[in-house]
Amino acid sequence: MNKKEHLDLYRQMVLIRRVEERAAELYQQGKIGGFLHLYIGQEAVSSGLVSARQPQDRVITAYRDHGLALNVGLTAKQVMAELLGKATGMSKGKGGSMHMASVEKNFWGGHAIVGAHLPIAAGMALGDQYMENDGVTICMFGDGATNIGFFHEALNLSKVWDLPVLWVCENNQYGMGTAVDRASAVSEIRQKAEGYCIPNERIEGMDVMKVREAAQEALKFVRAGNGPFLLEVMTYRFRGHSMGDPERYREADEVHKWQEEDPIGIYNRYLVAEKIAKKSELDKIESEVEEEVAEAVQFAEDSPNPGPEALFEDIYAEEV
């Protein structure tokens, strides 16, 4: 990576953090409705993965999708407007927090039902295989999804047909409010791939460079026609499962311990230590991001709500 690529990656991670923090404020003010699942603490995972992908590689994820939307190139204005349900959002205000997507960016959602997007990922990979495309489908999901039937069905078929899928489990230690070792008979999630003879690896997910390196190797393996691969990425969410989470299931000391391994701080120190960037350059990026997010919030608040006619647009059945 050259300096520009490093600084852009740092900018992405800071942008995710600031957008999420402002989203939390707007939710508390009643300006964002429905559910809101924040990505704070997990920025290194999506940033590292997307930095390693090629344009033809598809990306699909669960409901904690704002960060990934920013990584693939959607703007803070588009994300914030979608969160506020405005017509200028990337899904015209119809998707909201859990259904962000962009065909142009090869980003296929944003799915609210736990694990339900895994068979979709297998289907997309099957399509690429059938069309002899060179793309890999990167499918991200939480540790809780690995106890769902969709997970086992999708992994099984991906190996039966040697589909070009990179399965990525973001193990943030908790499925909603339940610790992994209390809900899963197999606490080391990567081992579940062994049951389907799928190669796998567990990696640290708080260091973006380690995520990027592992993703590059895994994508290379899948793209070479070797079939699927599963990465278990060990990470941690600093906030609750969603905005309505009282967080009674974990101690404050545990959260604080993980916050000391803040992914943005780790990358900041790396860039300075390796003399890739000066502290002043990184501070400038953070200031610019603050302004960008402030403009995005203003843009979203000033944008129009979808009109009544939008109910009959973008649907499969034609109006009778």
Protein backbone atom coordinates (compact mmCIF):
# COMPACT_ATOMS: atom_id res chain seq x y z
CA MET A 1 0.00 0.00 0.00
CA ASN A 2 1.20 3.50 -0.78
CA LYS A 3 0.68 6.48 1.53
CA LYS A 4 -2.50 7.63 -0.20
CA GLU A 5 -4.08 4.19 0.22
CA HIS A 6 -3.15 4.09 3.90
CA LEU A 7 -4.60 7.54 4.55
CA ASP A 8 -7.78 6.70 2.66
CA LEU A 9 -8.20 3.55 4.76
CA TYR A 10 -7.69 5.56 7.95
CA ARG A 11 -10.23 8.10 6.73
CA GLN A 12 -12.78 5.34 6.13
CA MET A 13 -12.42 4.01 9.66
CA VAL A 14 -12.75 7.45 11.24
CA LEU A 15 -15.72 8.24 8.99
CA ILE A 16 -17.51 5.07 10.11
CA ARG A 17 -16.92 5.96 13.78
CA ARG A 18 -18.17 9.54 13.42
CA VAL A 19 -21.23 8.58 11.35
CA GLU A 20 -22.17 5.96 13.93
CA GLU A 21 -21.74 8.37 16.83
CA ARG A 22 -23.95 10.98 15.17
CA ALA A 23 -26.49 8.31 14.24
CA ALA A 24 -26.75 7.34 17.91
CA GLU A 25 -27.44 10.99 18.82
CA LEU A 26 -30.08 11.34 16.10
CA TYR A 27 -31.75 8.12 17.21
CA GLN A 28 -31.98 9.40 20.77
CA GLN A 29 -33.52 12.60 19.41
CA GLY A 30 -36.22 10.56 17.67
CA LYS A 31 -35.01 11.43 14.18
CA ILE A 32 -34.14 7.82 13.28
CA GLY A 33 -36.82 5.20 13.70
CA GLY A 34 -36.88 1.42 13.91
CA PHE A 35 -33.75 -0.46 14.92
CA LEU A 36 -30.21 0.88 14.85
CA HIS A 37 -27.23 -1.47 15.17
CA LEU A 38 -23.94 0.39 15.54
CA TYR A 39 -20.57 -0.80 14.19
CA ILE A 40 -18.43 1.10 16.71
CA GLY A 41 -15.43 -1.07 17.61
CA GLN A 42 -15.61 -3.25 14.51
CA GLU A 43 -14.36 -0.72 11.94
CA ALA A 44 -11.18 -2.66 11.16
CA VAL A 45 -13.12 -5.70 9.95
CA SER A 46 -15.11 -4.24 7.06
CA SER A 47 -12.36 -1.74 6.21
CA GLY A 48 -9.71 -4.45 5.95
CA LEU A 49 -11.93 -6.77 3.94
CA VAL A 50 -13.11 -4.20 1.42
CA SER A 51 -9.57 -2.84 0.94
CA ALA A 52 -8.54 -6.31 -0.23
CA ARG A 53 -11.39 -6.98 -2.65
CA GLN A 54 -11.46 -6.42 -6.40
CA PRO A 55 -14.28 -4.51 -8.17
CA GLN A 56 -15.94 -7.73 -9.37
CA ASP A 57 -16.17 -9.12 -5.83
CA ARG A 58 -19.64 -8.95 -4.32
CA VAL A 59 -20.19 -7.99 -0.69
CA ILE A 60 -23.22 -8.92 1.40
CA THR A 61 -23.80 -8.58 5.13
CA ALA A 62 -26.35 -8.63 7.95
CA TYR A 63 -28.08 -5.68 9.64
CA ARG A 64 -24.94 -3.98 11.08
CA ASP A 65 -24.26 -2.51 7.66
CA HIS A 66 -23.58 1.26 7.86
CA GLY A 67 -19.81 0.81 8.04
CA LEU A 68 -19.68 -1.49 5.05
CA ALA A 69 -21.81 0.94 3.04
CA LEU A 70 -19.19 3.64 3.62
CA ASN A 71 -16.32 1.26 2.82
CA VAL A 72 -17.69 0.37 -0.61
CA GLY A 73 -17.91 4.04 -1.55
CA LEU A 74 -21.37 5.25 -0.61
CA THR A 75 -21.21 8.76 0.81
CA ALA A 76 -21.91 9.89 4.34
CA LYS A 77 -24.78 11.96 2.93
CA GLN A 78 -26.38 8.89 1.33
CA VAL A 79 -25.99 6.84 4.50
CA MET A 80 -27.27 9.54 6.83
CA ALA A 81 -30.23 10.34 4.56
CA GLU A 82 -31.15 6.66 4.45
CA LEU A 83 -30.97 6.43 8.24
CA LEU A 84 -33.39 9.35 8.48
CA GLY A 85 -35.71 7.75 5.91
CA LYS A 86 -35.21 10.49 3.32
CA ALA A 87 -35.69 10.26 -0.44
CA THR A 88 -32.02 11.14 -1.00
CA GLY A 89 -30.81 8.00 0.77
CA MET A 90 -29.21 5.24 -1.29
CA SER A 91 -32.41 3.18 -0.97
CA LYS A 92 -34.65 6.24 -1.32
CA GLY A 93 -35.46 6.13 2.37
CA LYS A 94 -37.21 2.78 2.08
CA GLY A 95 -34.48 0.59 3.51
CA GLY A 96 -33.38 2.45 6.58
CA SER A 97 -30.64 1.20 8.88
CA MET A 98 -30.79 -2.52 8.10
CA HIS A 99 -31.29 -2.51 4.33
CA MET A 100 -28.52 -0.46 2.79
CA ALA A 101 -27.43 -1.66 -0.65
CA SER A 102 -25.98 -0.48 -3.96
CA VAL A 103 -25.91 -2.45 -7.18
CA GLU A 104 -23.39 0.02 -8.62
CA LYS A 105 -20.98 -0.67 -5.76
CA ASN A 106 -21.57 -4.46 -5.89
CA PHE A 107 -22.95 -4.20 -2.36
CA TRP A 108 -25.98 -6.45 -1.90
CA GLY A 109 -27.19 -5.51 1.58
CA GLY A 110 -28.01 -5.15 4.53
CA HIS A 111 -30.35 -8.04 5.65
CA ALA A 112 -32.47 -7.95 8.79
CA ILE A 113 -33.24 -11.65 9.28
CA VAL A 114 -30.38 -13.39 11.08
CA GLY A 115 -28.49 -15.68 8.71
CA ALA A 116 -31.01 -15.37 5.88
CA HIS A 117 -28.51 -13.72 3.54
CA LEU A 118 -26.10 -16.68 3.60
CA PRO A 119 -28.09 -18.75 1.06
CA ILE A 120 -28.36 -15.57 -1.05
CA ALA A 121 -24.56 -15.32 -0.99
CA ALA A 122 -24.27 -18.94 -2.09
CA GLY A 123 -26.69 -18.18 -4.93
CA MET A 124 -24.72 -15.17 -6.10
CA ALA A 125 -21.52 -17.21 -6.05
CA LEU A 126 -23.26 -19.95 -8.02
CA GLY A 127 -24.26 -17.33 -10.60
CA ASP A 128 -20.68 -16.12 -10.95
CA GLN A 129 -19.45 -19.71 -11.24
CA TYR A 130 -22.07 -20.49 -13.90
CA MET A 131 -21.20 -17.35 -15.88
CA GLU A 132 -17.47 -18.10 -15.45
CA ASN A 133 -16.88 -14.72 -13.82
CA ASP A 134 -13.79 -14.03 -11.76
CA GLY A 135 -15.67 -12.60 -8.80
CA VAL A 136 -15.69 -13.80 -5.20
CA THR A 137 -18.72 -13.27 -2.95
CA ILE A 138 -17.69 -11.92 0.45
CA CYS A 139 -20.41 -12.81 2.94
CA MET A 140 -20.22 -11.28 6.42
CA PHE A 141 -22.30 -12.43 9.39
CA GLY A 142 -22.23 -12.47 13.18
CA ASP A 143 -21.35 -15.34 15.50
CA GLY A 144 -25.04 -15.78 16.38
CA ALA A 145 -25.86 -16.61 12.77
CA THR A 146 -23.70 -19.75 12.93
CA ASN A 147 -26.37 -21.42 15.09
CA ILE A 148 -29.01 -20.86 12.40
CA GLY A 149 -29.98 -23.46 9.82
CA PHE A 150 -29.25 -21.05 6.95
CA PHE A 151 -25.57 -21.13 7.94
CA HIS A 152 -25.27 -24.89 7.65
CA GLU A 153 -27.29 -25.12 4.45
CA ALA A 154 -25.23 -22.41 2.77
CA LEU A 155 -21.86 -23.76 3.86
CA ASN A 156 -22.77 -27.28 2.83
CA LEU A 157 -23.78 -26.31 -0.71
CA SER A 158 -20.84 -23.94 -1.08
CA LYS A 159 -18.51 -26.90 -0.55
CA VAL A 160 -20.58 -29.42 -2.53
CA TRP A 161 -20.37 -27.11 -5.55
CA ASP A 162 -17.00 -25.49 -4.66
CA LEU A 163 -18.51 -22.03 -4.89
CA PRO A 164 -16.33 -18.89 -4.87
CA VAL A 165 -17.41 -17.62 -1.45
CA LEU A 166 -15.40 -16.09 1.34
CA TRP A 167 -17.43 -16.65 4.49
CA VAL A 168 -16.56 -14.07 7.16
CA CYS A 169 -17.81 -14.48 10.72
CA GLU A 170 -17.50 -11.24 12.69
CA ASN A 171 -17.20 -12.77 16.14
CA ASN A 172 -17.94 -9.81 18.42
CA GLN A 173 -18.33 -12.16 21.41
CA TYR A 174 -22.11 -11.82 21.80
CA GLY A 175 -25.23 -12.88 19.91
CA MET A 176 -27.52 -10.09 21.06
CA GLY A 177 -27.05 -10.42 24.85
CA THR A 178 -25.73 -13.98 25.02
CA ALA A 179 -22.03 -14.84 25.10
CA VAL A 180 -20.85 -17.24 22.40
CA ASP A 181 -19.79 -19.97 24.84
CA ARG A 182 -23.28 -19.97 26.37
CA ALA A 183 -25.12 -20.38 23.07
CA SER A 184 -22.83 -22.43 20.85
CA ALA A 185 -21.56 -25.93 21.53
CA VAL A 186 -18.51 -24.96 19.45
CA SER A 187 -17.11 -21.71 20.85
CA GLU A 188 -14.31 -21.46 18.27
CA ILE A 189 -16.54 -20.66 15.33
CA ARG A 190 -14.00 -21.48 12.62
CA GLN A 191 -14.21 -25.15 13.67
CA LYS A 192 -17.77 -25.30 12.35
CA ALA A 193 -16.32 -25.07 8.84
CA GLU A 194 -14.41 -28.31 9.47
CA GLY A 195 -17.71 -30.19 9.37
CA TYR A 196 -18.00 -29.22 5.71
CA CYS A 197 -14.30 -29.67 4.85
CA ILE A 198 -13.96 -25.93 4.31
CA PRO A 199 -10.51 -24.44 4.99
CA ASN A 200 -10.64 -21.83 7.73
CA GLU A 201 -8.67 -19.47 9.93
CA ARG A 202 -9.24 -17.39 13.07
CA ILE A 203 -7.66 -13.92 12.99
CA GLU A 204 -7.43 -10.76 15.09
CA GLY A 205 -10.04 -8.24 14.00
CA MET A 206 -8.97 -5.08 15.82
CA ASP A 207 -5.92 -4.50 13.60
CA VAL A 208 -6.96 -3.44 10.09
CA MET A 209 -3.65 -4.48 8.53
CA LYS A 210 -3.97 -8.01 9.90
CA VAL A 211 -7.51 -8.23 8.56
CA ARG A 212 -6.40 -6.95 5.16
CA GLU A 213 -3.50 -9.42 4.96
CA ALA A 214 -5.68 -12.40 5.88
CA ALA A 215 -8.40 -11.28 3.47
CA GLN A 216 -5.92 -11.00 0.61
CA GLU A 217 -4.71 -14.55 1.17
CA ALA A 218 -8.22 -15.95 1.55
CA LEU A 219 -9.50 -14.16 -1.57
CA LYS A 220 -6.50 -15.42 -3.52
CA PHE A 221 -7.30 -18.97 -2.42
CA VAL A 222 -10.97 -18.75 -3.41
CA ARG A 223 -10.30 -16.93 -6.69
CA ALA A 224 -7.91 -19.71 -7.74
CA GLY A 225 -10.87 -22.10 -7.90
CA ASN A 226 -10.28 -23.89 -4.61
CA GLY A 227 -13.81 -23.44 -3.35
CA PRO A 228 -14.99 -21.60 -0.22
CA PHE A 229 -12.95 -20.38 2.73
CA LEU A 230 -14.10 -19.24 6.18
CA LEU A 231 -12.48 -16.46 8.21
CA GLU A 232 -13.43 -16.03 11.85
CA VAL A 233 -12.55 -12.45 12.75
CA MET A 234 -12.28 -11.77 16.48
CA THR A 235 -13.66 -8.32 17.23
CA TYR A 236 -15.85 -6.49 19.74
CA ARG A 237 -18.69 -4.02 19.61
CA PHE A 238 -18.26 -1.16 22.05
CA ARG A 239 -21.98 -0.35 22.14
CA GLY A 240 -25.01 -2.55 22.74
CA HIS A 241 -26.53 -4.97 20.25
CA SER A 242 -28.89 -2.19 19.19
CA MET A 243 -29.90 1.17 20.60
CA GLY A 244 -32.50 -0.48 22.81
CA ASP A 245 -29.97 -2.75 24.52
CA PRO A 246 -29.65 -2.07 28.29
CA GLU A 247 -26.31 -3.99 28.28
CA ARG A 248 -26.86 -5.81 31.56
CA TYR A 249 -25.05 -8.92 30.35
CA ARG A 250 -21.45 -7.63 30.40
CA GLU A 251 -19.33 -5.75 32.91
CA ALA A 252 -18.05 -2.22 32.26
CA ASP A 253 -14.48 -3.43 32.89
CA GLU A 254 -14.78 -5.88 30.01
CA VAL A 255 -15.89 -3.16 27.60
CA HIS A 256 -13.11 -0.85 28.82
CA LYS A 257 -10.49 -3.56 28.29
CA TRP A 258 -11.51 -3.95 24.65
CA GLN A 259 -11.70 -0.19 24.14
CA GLU A 260 -8.01 -0.02 24.99
CA GLU A 261 -7.52 -2.04 21.80
CA ASP A 262 -9.44 0.51 19.75
CA PRO A 263 -8.96 -0.30 16.03
CA ILE A 264 -8.62 3.35 15.02
CA GLY A 265 -6.03 3.96 17.74
CA ILE A 266 -4.08 0.85 16.70
CA TYR A 267 -3.94 1.99 13.08
CA ASN A 268 -3.10 5.58 14.08
CA ARG A 269 -0.09 4.37 16.10
CA TYR A 270 0.98 2.04 13.29
CA LEU A 271 0.96 4.79 10.67
CA VAL A 272 3.01 7.10 12.90
CA ALA A 273 5.44 4.40 14.07
CA GLU A 274 6.09 3.22 10.50
CA LYS A 275 6.57 6.85 9.42
CA ILE A 276 3.82 6.48 6.84
CA ALA A 277 2.06 9.59 8.14
CA LYS A 278 2.61 12.33 10.70
CA LYS A 279 0.29 12.74 13.65
CA SER A 280 -0.67 16.16 12.29
CA GLU A 281 -1.82 14.58 9.01
CA LEU A 282 -4.05 12.13 10.84
CA ASP A 283 -5.43 14.91 13.03
CA LYS A 284 -6.28 16.84 9.87
CA ILE A 285 -8.15 13.85 8.45
CA GLU A 286 -10.18 13.57 11.65
CA SER A 287 -11.09 17.27 11.49
CA GLU A 288 -12.13 16.95 7.84
CA VAL A 289 -14.28 13.94 8.68
CA GLU A 290 -16.00 15.90 11.46
CA GLU A 291 -16.97 18.55 8.91
CA GLU A 292 -18.07 15.94 6.37
CA VAL A 293 -20.37 14.25 8.87
CA ALA A 294 -21.82 17.57 10.02
CA GLU A 295 -22.63 18.39 6.39
CA ALA A 296 -24.15 14.92 5.93
CA VAL A 297 -26.45 15.40 8.91
CA GLN A 298 -27.55 18.80 7.63
CA PHE A 299 -28.12 17.35 4.16
CA ALA A 300 -30.22 14.53 5.57
CA GLU A 301 -32.32 16.79 7.76
CA ASP A 302 -32.93 19.18 4.83
CA SER A 303 -33.82 16.37 2.40
CA PRO A 304 -37.47 15.60 1.57
CA ASN A 305 -39.38 12.61 2.83
CA PRO A 306 -40.48 10.11 0.15
CA GLY A 307 -43.83 11.12 -1.34
CA PRO A 308 -46.95 8.90 -1.16
CA GLU A 309 -46.36 7.81 -4.77
CA ALA A 310 -43.11 6.15 -3.67
CA LEU A 311 -45.20 3.33 -2.17
CA PHE A 312 -45.94 2.14 -5.70
CA GLU A 313 -42.40 2.51 -7.11
CA ASP A 314 -39.65 -0.12 -7.20
CA ILE A 315 -42.05 -3.03 -6.68
CA TYR A 316 -42.40 -6.25 -8.62
CA ALA A 317 -46.13 -6.14 -9.29
CA GLU A 318 -47.36 -3.49 -11.69
CA GLU A 319 -50.07 -1.11 -10.58
CA VAL A 320 -53.49 -2.33 -11.77
